[in-house]
Amino acid sequence: MHNCCEVQSSRVNKADGLRELCQVAGIPLDQVWAFGDDLNDVRMLSEVGWGVRMANHLPALNGIGKDITDFSNEADGVARYL
């Protein structure tokens, strides 16, 4: 992303939020798909049933999740993957 600044509390992460949402909705986390490209996505991609790295993911995410898209988030990678 260009000209972007992401701020996040050190006490929570995307995996925590997704886990809580799934609990409320009655959806097992192992049946969830998630997409990510940055360091703040690592736990989320690791904990869901199907974690997918975007084509433009940071090198630090190599090996995280179960698959990788052929397209970046800016090239509709999620839609094209699905």
C-alpha atoms as a PDB file:
ATOM      1  CA  MET A   1       0.000   0.000   0.000  1.00  0.00           C
ATOM      2  CA  HIS A   2       1.219   3.440  -0.788  1.00  0.00           C
ATOM      3  CA  ASN A   3       1.114   6.220   1.801  1.00  0.00           C
ATOM      4  CA  CYS A   4      -0.465   4.013   4.424  1.00  0.00           C
ATOM      5  CA  CYS A   5       0.088   3.879   8.163  1.00  0.00           C
ATOM      6  CA  GLU A   6      -1.490   1.090  10.209  1.00  0.00           C
ATOM      7  CA  VAL A   7      -1.785   1.486  13.975  1.00  0.00           C
ATOM      8  CA  GLN A   8      -2.755  -1.421  16.202  1.00  0.00           C
ATOM      9  CA  SER A   9      -2.703  -2.096  19.929  1.00  0.00           C
ATOM     10  CA  SER A  10       0.000  -4.496  21.068  1.00  0.00           C
ATOM     11  CA  ARG A  11      -2.624  -6.249  23.232  1.00  0.00           C
ATOM     12  CA  VAL A  12      -4.868  -7.406  20.377  1.00  0.00           C
ATOM     13  CA  ASN A  13      -4.458  -8.689  16.848  1.00  0.00           C
ATOM     14  CA  LYS A  14      -6.557  -9.701  13.864  1.00  0.00           C
ATOM     15  CA  ALA A  15      -6.652 -13.335  14.987  1.00  0.00           C
ATOM     16  CA  ASP A  16      -8.202 -12.308  18.321  1.00  0.00           C
ATOM     17  CA  GLY A  17     -10.889 -10.247  16.599  1.00  0.00           C
ATOM     18  CA  LEU A  18     -11.663 -12.973  14.099  1.00  0.00           C
ATOM     19  CA  ARG A  19     -11.789 -15.612  16.837  1.00  0.00           C
ATOM     20  CA  GLU A  20     -14.287 -13.516  18.839  1.00  0.00           C
ATOM     21  CA  LEU A  21     -16.428 -12.832  15.759  1.00  0.00           C
ATOM     22  CA  CYS A  22     -16.493 -16.530  14.916  1.00  0.00           C
ATOM     23  CA  GLN A  23     -17.460 -17.426  18.465  1.00  0.00           C
ATOM     24  CA  VAL A  24     -20.414 -15.005  18.368  1.00  0.00           C
ATOM     25  CA  ALA A  25     -21.464 -16.273  14.925  1.00  0.00           C
ATOM     26  CA  GLY A  26     -21.005 -19.926  15.850  1.00  0.00           C
ATOM     27  CA  ILE A  27     -18.441 -20.546  13.119  1.00  0.00           C
ATOM     28  CA  PRO A  28     -15.456 -22.806  13.918  1.00  0.00           C
ATOM     29  CA  LEU A  29     -12.184 -20.984  13.227  1.00  0.00           C
ATOM     30  CA  ASP A  30     -10.918 -23.988  11.288  1.00  0.00           C
ATOM     31  CA  GLN A  31     -13.657 -23.351   8.706  1.00  0.00           C
ATOM     32  CA  VAL A  32     -12.596 -19.736   8.080  1.00  0.00           C
ATOM     33  CA  TRP A  33     -10.521 -18.394   5.210  1.00  0.00           C
ATOM     34  CA  ALA A  34      -8.395 -15.270   5.668  1.00  0.00           C
ATOM     35  CA  PHE A  35      -6.170 -13.257   3.357  1.00  0.00           C
ATOM     36  CA  GLY A  36      -3.169 -11.148   4.317  1.00  0.00           C
ATOM     37  CA  ASP A  37       0.020  -9.504   3.161  1.00  0.00           C
ATOM     38  CA  ASP A  38       1.667  -7.852   6.177  1.00  0.00           C
ATOM     39  CA  LEU A  39       3.162  -8.662   9.568  1.00  0.00           C
ATOM     40  CA  ASN A  40      -0.098  -7.879  11.355  1.00  0.00           C
ATOM     41  CA  ASP A  41      -1.673 -10.809   9.467  1.00  0.00           C
ATOM     42  CA  VAL A  42       0.706 -13.552  10.629  1.00  0.00           C
ATOM     43  CA  ARG A  43      -1.317 -14.911  13.570  1.00  0.00           C
ATOM     44  CA  MET A  44      -4.576 -14.645  11.653  1.00  0.00           C
ATOM     45  CA  LEU A  45      -3.199 -16.554   8.655  1.00  0.00           C
ATOM     46  CA  SER A  46      -1.702 -19.157  10.983  1.00  0.00           C
ATOM     47  CA  GLU A  47      -4.810 -19.761  13.085  1.00  0.00           C
ATOM     48  CA  VAL A  48      -7.618 -19.963  10.521  1.00  0.00           C
ATOM     49  CA  GLY A  49      -8.449 -23.100   8.602  1.00  0.00           C
ATOM     50  CA  TRP A  50      -7.244 -21.671   5.294  1.00  0.00           C
ATOM     51  CA  GLY A  51      -4.810 -18.753   5.381  1.00  0.00           C
ATOM     52  CA  VAL A  52      -3.866 -17.206   2.040  1.00  0.00           C
ATOM     53  CA  ARG A  53      -0.951 -14.838   1.420  1.00  0.00           C
ATOM     54  CA  MET A  54      -1.434 -12.136  -1.184  1.00  0.00           C
ATOM     55  CA  ALA A  55       1.033 -12.055  -4.093  1.00  0.00           C
ATOM     56  CA  ASN A  56       2.485  -8.814  -2.691  1.00  0.00           C
ATOM     57  CA  HIS A  57       3.038 -10.224   0.823  1.00  0.00           C
ATOM     58  CA  LEU A  58       6.104  -9.285   2.801  1.00  0.00           C
ATOM     59  CA  PRO A  59       8.952 -11.819   2.628  1.00  0.00           C
ATOM     60  CA  ALA A  60       8.544 -12.352   6.390  1.00  0.00           C
ATOM     61  CA  LEU A  61       5.249 -14.132   5.648  1.00  0.00           C
ATOM     62  CA  ASN A  62       6.875 -16.826   3.489  1.00  0.00           C
ATOM     63  CA  GLY A  63       5.636 -20.206   4.670  1.00  0.00           C
ATOM     64  CA  ILE A  64       2.689 -18.752   6.630  1.00  0.00           C
ATOM     65  CA  GLY A  65      -0.786 -19.998   5.744  1.00  0.00           C
ATOM     66  CA  LYS A  66      -1.777 -22.686   3.298  1.00  0.00           C
ATOM     67  CA  ASP A  67      -1.687 -20.928  -0.080  1.00  0.00           C
ATOM     68  CA  ILE A  68      -0.756 -17.777  -1.999  1.00  0.00           C
ATOM     69  CA  THR A  69      -2.692 -15.778  -4.573  1.00  0.00           C
ATOM     70  CA  ASP A  70      -1.292 -14.970  -7.995  1.00  0.00           C
ATOM     71  CA  PHE A  71      -2.470 -11.377  -7.560  1.00  0.00           C
ATOM     72  CA  SER A  72      -1.878  -8.544  -5.104  1.00  0.00           C
ATOM     73  CA  ASN A  73      -4.493  -6.898  -2.932  1.00  0.00           C
ATOM     74  CA  GLU A  74      -4.443  -3.951  -5.337  1.00  0.00           C
ATOM     75  CA  ALA A  75      -5.190  -6.271  -8.289  1.00  0.00           C
ATOM     76  CA  ASP A  76      -8.309  -7.834  -6.712  1.00  0.00           C
ATOM     77  CA  GLY A  77      -6.319 -10.819  -5.472  1.00  0.00           C
ATOM     78  CA  VAL A  78      -9.010 -11.996  -3.042  1.00  0.00           C
ATOM     79  CA  ALA A  79     -11.798 -11.903  -5.630  1.00  0.00           C
ATOM     80  CA  ARG A  80      -9.619 -13.590  -8.246  1.00  0.00           C
ATOM     81  CA  TYR A  81      -8.562 -16.292  -5.799  1.00  0.00           C
ATOM     82  CA  LEU A  82     -12.132 -17.062  -4.795  1.00  0.00           C
END
